C-alpha atoms as a PDB file:
ATOM      1  CA  MET A   1     103.871  89.319  90.427  1.00  0.00           C
ATOM      2  CA  LYS A   2     101.951  91.504  92.836  1.00  0.00           C
ATOM      3  CA  SER A   3     103.527  90.136  95.892  1.00  0.00           C
ATOM      4  CA  THR A   4     107.041  89.379  94.495  1.00  0.00           C
ATOM      5  CA  ILE A   5     106.856  93.387  93.632  1.00  0.00           C
ATOM      6  CA  THR A   6     105.880  94.212  97.526  1.00  0.00           C
ATOM      7  CA  LYS A   7     108.461  91.954  98.952  1.00  0.00           C
ATOM      8  CA  TYR A   8     111.410  92.768  96.850  1.00  0.00           C
ATOM      9  CA  GLY A   9     110.361  96.441  96.232  1.00  0.00           C
ATOM     10  CA  LEU A  10     110.307  96.778 100.029  1.00  0.00           C
ATOM     11  CA  ILE A  11     113.754  95.196 100.887  1.00  0.00           C
ATOM     12  CA  GLY A  12     114.935  97.466  97.687  1.00  0.00           C
ATOM     13  CA  PHE A  13     113.681 100.581  99.537  1.00  0.00           C
ATOM     14  CA  LEU A  14     114.819  99.726 102.819  1.00  0.00           C
ATOM     15  CA  SER A  15     118.280  98.809 102.030  1.00  0.00           C
ATOM     16  CA  GLY A  16     118.252 101.710  99.591  1.00  0.00           C
ATOM     17  CA  LEU A  17     117.248 104.061 102.388  1.00  0.00           C
ATOM     18  CA  LEU A  18     119.631 103.078 104.891  1.00  0.00           C
ATOM     19  CA  VAL A  19     122.668 102.555 102.778  1.00  0.00           C
ATOM     20  CA  PHE A  20     122.636 105.039 101.611  1.00  0.00           C
ATOM     21  CA  LEU A  21     121.781 107.325 104.697  1.00  0.00           C
ATOM     22  CA  PHE A  22     124.785 105.163 106.485  1.00  0.00           C
ATOM     23  CA  ILE A  23     127.523 106.470 103.220  1.00  0.00           C
ATOM     24  CA  PHE A  24     126.389 110.173 103.546  1.00  0.00           C
ATOM     25  CA  GLN A  25     127.509 109.863 107.042  1.00  0.00           C
ATOM     26  CA  PHE A  26     130.978 109.286 106.109  1.00  0.00           C
ATOM     27  CA  ILE A  27     131.162 111.320 103.029  1.00  0.00           C
ATOM     28  CA  ASP A  28     133.279 113.987 104.664  1.00  0.00           C
ATOM     29  CA  ASN A  29     135.628 111.406 105.613  1.00  0.00           C
ATOM     30  CA  LEU A  30     136.237 110.329 101.786  1.00  0.00           C
ATOM     31  CA  LYS A  31     137.970 111.979  98.984  1.00  0.00           C
ATOM     32  CA  GLU A  32     135.373 113.149  95.974  1.00  0.00           C
ATOM     33  CA  SER A  33     136.436 110.234  93.839  1.00  0.00           C
ATOM     34  CA  THR A  34     135.978 107.583  96.546  1.00  0.00           C
ATOM     35  CA  HIS A  35     132.598 108.709  97.430  1.00  0.00           C
ATOM     36  CA  VAL A  36     131.492 108.783  93.398  1.00  0.00           C
ATOM     37  CA  ILE A  37     132.690 105.108  93.193  1.00  0.00           C
ATOM     38  CA  LEU A  38     131.499 104.108  96.100  1.00  0.00           C
ATOM     39  CA  SER A  39     128.275 105.483  95.762  1.00  0.00           C
ATOM     40  CA  TYR A  40     127.805 104.043  92.245  1.00  0.00           C
ATOM     41  CA  ALA A  41     129.170 100.653  93.142  1.00  0.00           C
ATOM     42  CA  CYS A  42     126.209 100.638  95.696  1.00  0.00           C
ATOM     43  CA  MET A  43     123.808 101.650  93.412  1.00  0.00           C
ATOM     44  CA  PHE A  44     124.723  98.927  90.971  1.00  0.00           C
ATOM     45  CA  LEU A  45     124.865  96.523  93.696  1.00  0.00           C
ATOM     46  CA  LEU A  46     121.544  97.484  95.476  1.00  0.00           C
ATOM     47  CA  THR A  47     119.532  97.445  91.626  1.00  0.00           C
ATOM     48  CA  LEU A  48     120.915  93.375  91.404  1.00  0.00           C
ATOM     49  CA  LEU A  49     118.204  92.864  93.809  1.00  0.00           C
ATOM     50  CA  VAL A  50     116.092  92.507  90.523  1.00  0.00           C
ATOM     51  CA  ILE A  51     117.625  89.058  89.520  1.00  0.00           C
ATOM     52  CA  PRO A  52     116.336  86.980  93.029  1.00  0.00           C
ATOM     53  CA  ALA A  53     113.070  88.798  92.392  1.00  0.00           C
ATOM     54  CA  ILE A  54     112.507  87.166  88.605  1.00  0.00           C
ATOM     55  CA  LYS A  55     114.119  84.373  90.035  1.00  0.00           C
ATOM     56  CA  ASN A  56     111.770  83.620  92.432  1.00  0.00           C
ATOM     57  CA  GLU A  57     108.674  85.073  90.368  1.00  0.00           C
ATOM     58  CA  LYS A  58     110.027  82.232  87.341  1.00  0.00           C
ATOM     59  CA  HIS A  59     110.453  79.419  89.767  1.00  0.00           C
ATOM     60  CA  GLN A  60     108.409  79.861  92.772  1.00  0.00           C
ATOM     61  CA  VAL A  61     105.148  81.497  91.292  1.00  0.00           C
ATOM     62  CA  ASN A  62     105.225  80.360  87.830  1.00  0.00           C
ATOM     63  CA  ALA A  63     106.551  76.899  87.959  1.00  0.00           C
ATOM     64  CA  GLY A  64     109.530  77.623  85.484  1.00  0.00           C
ATOM     65  CA  GLN A  65     107.809  80.119  83.282  1.00  0.00           C
ATOM     66  CA  ILE A  66     108.386  83.488  82.755  1.00  0.00           C
ATOM     67  CA  SER A  67     108.006  85.881  79.708  1.00  0.00           C
ATOM     68  CA  PHE A  68     110.839  88.712  78.947  1.00  0.00           C
ATOM     69  CA  LYS A  69     108.102  91.615  79.223  1.00  0.00           C
ATOM     70  CA  LYS A  70     107.163  90.097  82.791  1.00  0.00           C
ATOM     71  CA  ALA A  71     110.654  89.713  84.086  1.00  0.00           C
ATOM     72  CA  PHE A  72     111.422  93.503  82.516  1.00  0.00           C
ATOM     73  CA  SER A  73     108.478  95.045  84.496  1.00  0.00           C
ATOM     74  CA  ILE A  74     109.288  93.313  87.657  1.00  0.00           C
ATOM     75  CA  GLY A  75     112.922  94.505  87.490  1.00  0.00           C
ATOM     76  CA  ILE A  76     111.635  98.046  86.404  1.00  0.00           C
ATOM     77  CA  LEU A  77     109.102  98.377  89.428  1.00  0.00           C
ATOM     78  CA  ILE A  78     111.926  97.209  91.928  1.00  0.00           C
ATOM     79  CA  CYS A  79     114.615  99.314  90.829  1.00  0.00           C
ATOM     80  CA  PHE A  80     111.975 102.306  90.951  1.00  0.00           C
ATOM     81  CA  CYS A  81     111.425 101.327  94.805  1.00  0.00           C
ATOM     82  CA  ILE A  82     115.206 100.817  94.989  1.00  0.00           C
ATOM     83  CA  ALA A  83     115.066 104.523  93.432  1.00  0.00           C
ATOM     84  CA  LEU A  84     113.120 105.849  95.483  1.00  0.00           C
ATOM     85  CA  GLY A  85     114.747 104.542  98.821  1.00  0.00           C
ATOM     86  CA  VAL A  86     117.921 106.067  97.539  1.00  0.00           C
ATOM     87  CA  GLY A  87     116.422 109.649  96.618  1.00  0.00           C
ATOM     88  CA  LEU A  88     114.650 109.809  99.809  1.00  0.00           C
ATOM     89  CA  ALA A  89     117.715 109.083 101.368  1.00  0.00           C
ATOM     90  CA  ASP A  90     119.462 112.199  99.818  1.00  0.00           C
ATOM     91  CA  TYR A  91     117.171 114.106 100.285  1.00  0.00           C
ATOM     92  CA  ILE A  92     116.892 113.500 104.044  1.00  0.00           C
ATOM     93  CA  PHE A  93     120.622 113.944 104.382  1.00  0.00           C
ATOM     94  CA  THR A  94     120.667 117.096 102.431  1.00  0.00           C
ATOM     95  CA  ALA A  95     117.683 118.590 103.782  1.00  0.00           C
ATOM     96  CA  PHE A  96     117.835 117.701 107.241  1.00  0.00           C
ATOM     97  CA  ILE A  97     121.006 115.618 108.263  1.00  0.00           C
ATOM     98  CA  GLU A  98     123.458 117.756 106.960  1.00  0.00           C
ATOM     99  CA  PRO A  99     121.883 121.156 105.558  1.00  0.00           C
ATOM    100  CA  GLU A 100     124.862 122.780 104.786  1.00  0.00           C
ATOM    101  CA  PHE A 101     126.211 120.021 102.093  1.00  0.00           C
ATOM    102  CA  ILE A 102     125.427 121.914  99.389  1.00  0.00           C
ATOM    103  CA  GLN A 103     127.031 124.878 100.045  1.00  0.00           C
ATOM    104  CA  ASN A 104     130.282 122.809 101.308  1.00  0.00           C
ATOM    105  CA  TYR A 105     130.133 120.891  98.138  1.00  0.00           C
ATOM    106  CA  ILE A 106     129.853 124.571  96.388  1.00  0.00           C
ATOM    107  CA  SER A 107     133.126 125.372  98.173  1.00  0.00           C
ATOM    108  CA  LYS A 108     135.121 122.303  97.743  1.00  0.00           C
ATOM    109  CA  THR A 109     134.137 122.475  94.089  1.00  0.00           C
ATOM    110  CA  LEU A 110     135.814 126.285  93.622  1.00  0.00           C
ATOM    111  CA  GLU A 111     138.361 125.252  95.684  1.00  0.00           C
ATOM    112  CA  THR A 112     139.394 122.577  93.414  1.00  0.00           C
ATOM    113  CA  MET A 113     139.002 124.115  90.233  1.00  0.00           C
ATOM    114  CA  GLU A 114     140.924 127.097  91.524  1.00  0.00           C
ATOM    115  CA  GLN A 115     143.671 125.129  91.869  1.00  0.00           C
ATOM    116  CA  ASN A 116     143.550 123.050  88.410  1.00  0.00           C
ATOM    117  CA  LEU A 117     142.190 125.789  86.243  1.00  0.00           C
ATOM    118  CA  SER A 118     144.405 129.035  84.908  1.00  0.00           C
ATOM    119  CA  ALA A 119     142.511 132.839  86.284  1.00  0.00           C
ATOM    120  CA  ASN A 120     141.010 133.358  82.940  1.00  0.00           C
ATOM    121  CA  GLU A 121     139.236 129.342  82.727  1.00  0.00           C
ATOM    122  CA  PHE A 122     138.572 129.385  86.744  1.00  0.00           C
ATOM    123  CA  ILE A 123     136.390 132.613  86.438  1.00  0.00           C
ATOM    124  CA  THR A 124     134.028 131.367  83.262  1.00  0.00           C
ATOM    125  CA  GLN A 125     134.401 127.961  84.966  1.00  0.00           C
ATOM    126  CA  LYS A 126     132.953 129.481  88.082  1.00  0.00           C
ATOM    127  CA  LYS A 127     130.344 131.961  86.739  1.00  0.00           C
ATOM    128  CA  ASP A 128     128.906 128.510  84.779  1.00  0.00           C
ATOM    129  CA  PHE A 129     129.169 126.176  87.903  1.00  0.00           C
ATOM    130  CA  LEU A 130     127.052 128.761  90.152  1.00  0.00           C
ATOM    131  CA  THR A 131     124.801 129.378  87.613  1.00  0.00           C
ATOM    132  CA  GLN A 132     123.940 125.520  87.266  1.00  0.00           C
ATOM    133  CA  MET A 133     124.259 125.072  91.026  1.00  0.00           C
ATOM    134  CA  GLU A 134     121.215 128.104  91.533  1.00  0.00           C
ATOM    135  CA  THR A 135     118.981 125.801  88.979  1.00  0.00           C
ATOM    136  CA  PHE A 136     120.367 122.437  90.496  1.00  0.00           C
ATOM    137  CA  GLY A 137     121.318 122.712  93.704  1.00  0.00           C
ATOM    138  CA  SER A 138     118.395 122.071  95.796  1.00  0.00           C
ATOM    139  CA  SER A 139     117.691 118.906  98.208  1.00  0.00           C
ATOM    140  CA  GLY A 140     115.044 118.364  95.866  1.00  0.00           C
ATOM    141  CA  MET A 141     116.702 118.513  92.399  1.00  0.00           C
ATOM    142  CA  MET A 142     119.832 116.344  94.089  1.00  0.00           C
ATOM    143  CA  ALA A 143     117.328 113.481  95.210  1.00  0.00           C
ATOM    144  CA  LEU A 144     116.126 113.897  91.677  1.00  0.00           C
ATOM    145  CA  PHE A 145     119.552 113.236  90.082  1.00  0.00           C
ATOM    146  CA  MET A 146     119.822 110.092  92.600  1.00  0.00           C
ATOM    147  CA  PHE A 147     116.787 108.730  91.356  1.00  0.00           C
ATOM    148  CA  ILE A 148     117.125 108.990  88.149  1.00  0.00           C
ATOM    149  CA  ASN A 149     120.902 107.853  88.155  1.00  0.00           C
ATOM    150  CA  VAL A 150     119.420 104.302  90.323  1.00  0.00           C
ATOM    151  CA  MET A 151     116.705 104.301  87.546  1.00  0.00           C
ATOM    152  CA  THR A 152     119.277 103.998  84.724  1.00  0.00           C
ATOM    153  CA  ILE A 153     121.309 101.620  85.928  1.00  0.00           C
ATOM    154  CA  GLY A 154     118.266  99.615  87.031  1.00  0.00           C
ATOM    155  CA  LEU A 155     117.087  99.962  83.590  1.00  0.00           C
ATOM    156  CA  LEU A 156     120.240  98.045  82.091  1.00  0.00           C
ATOM    157  CA  VAL A 157     120.247  95.435  85.138  1.00  0.00           C
ATOM    158  CA  SER A 158     116.322  94.774  84.181  1.00  0.00           C
ATOM    159  CA  LEU A 159     117.008  94.656  80.737  1.00  0.00           C
ATOM    160  CA  VAL A 160     120.468  92.154  80.937  1.00  0.00           C
ATOM    161  CA  SER A 161     118.223  89.989  83.975  1.00  0.00           C
ATOM    162  CA  ALA A 162     114.885  89.706  81.666  1.00  0.00           C
ATOM    163  CA  ILE A 163     116.915  88.556  78.554  1.00  0.00           C
ATOM    164  CA  THR A 164     118.752  86.457  80.393  1.00  0.00           C
ATOM    165  CA  LEU A 165     115.764  84.750  82.480  1.00  0.00           C
ATOM    166  CA  LYS A 166     113.033  84.468  79.858  1.00  0.00           C
ATOM    167  CA  ASN A 167     111.743  81.175  78.918  1.00  0.00           C
ATOM    168  CA  LYS A 168     113.375  81.009  75.289  1.00  0.00           C
END
């Protein structure tokens, strides 16, 4: 189990790091909705690495046998590595490559809110949004949110994979 987690965990970590650093480079050229869809699609695709990892452990290491617990554990640990890569990519991008990203995000969001809300709604929503961004708008918190998103998707993928690939 250790060799499978090491091998696929390293692949997942590097893939998450590189894929998201690549995506972040083109963030300005995409609409917000397109960026969100692309990000979640990549998170989902990255977590699918769990499937070949569990299959490898089942067929190459355990002679066709694997329990739900072992398959699920492998999946979660590999998703943890992927999530670390994605979170690190987010942190590197927002802290070092484009440190003005958070301020640009705030400006774009406020501009969109102003266009789509009445004057009274905008004032209320703006205050709430700026309060949230003061609390959660740091590079570290944004990286943590990305980590949590990947782990949530990975939990579901790991669960389904473990149920599907376990021995009866």
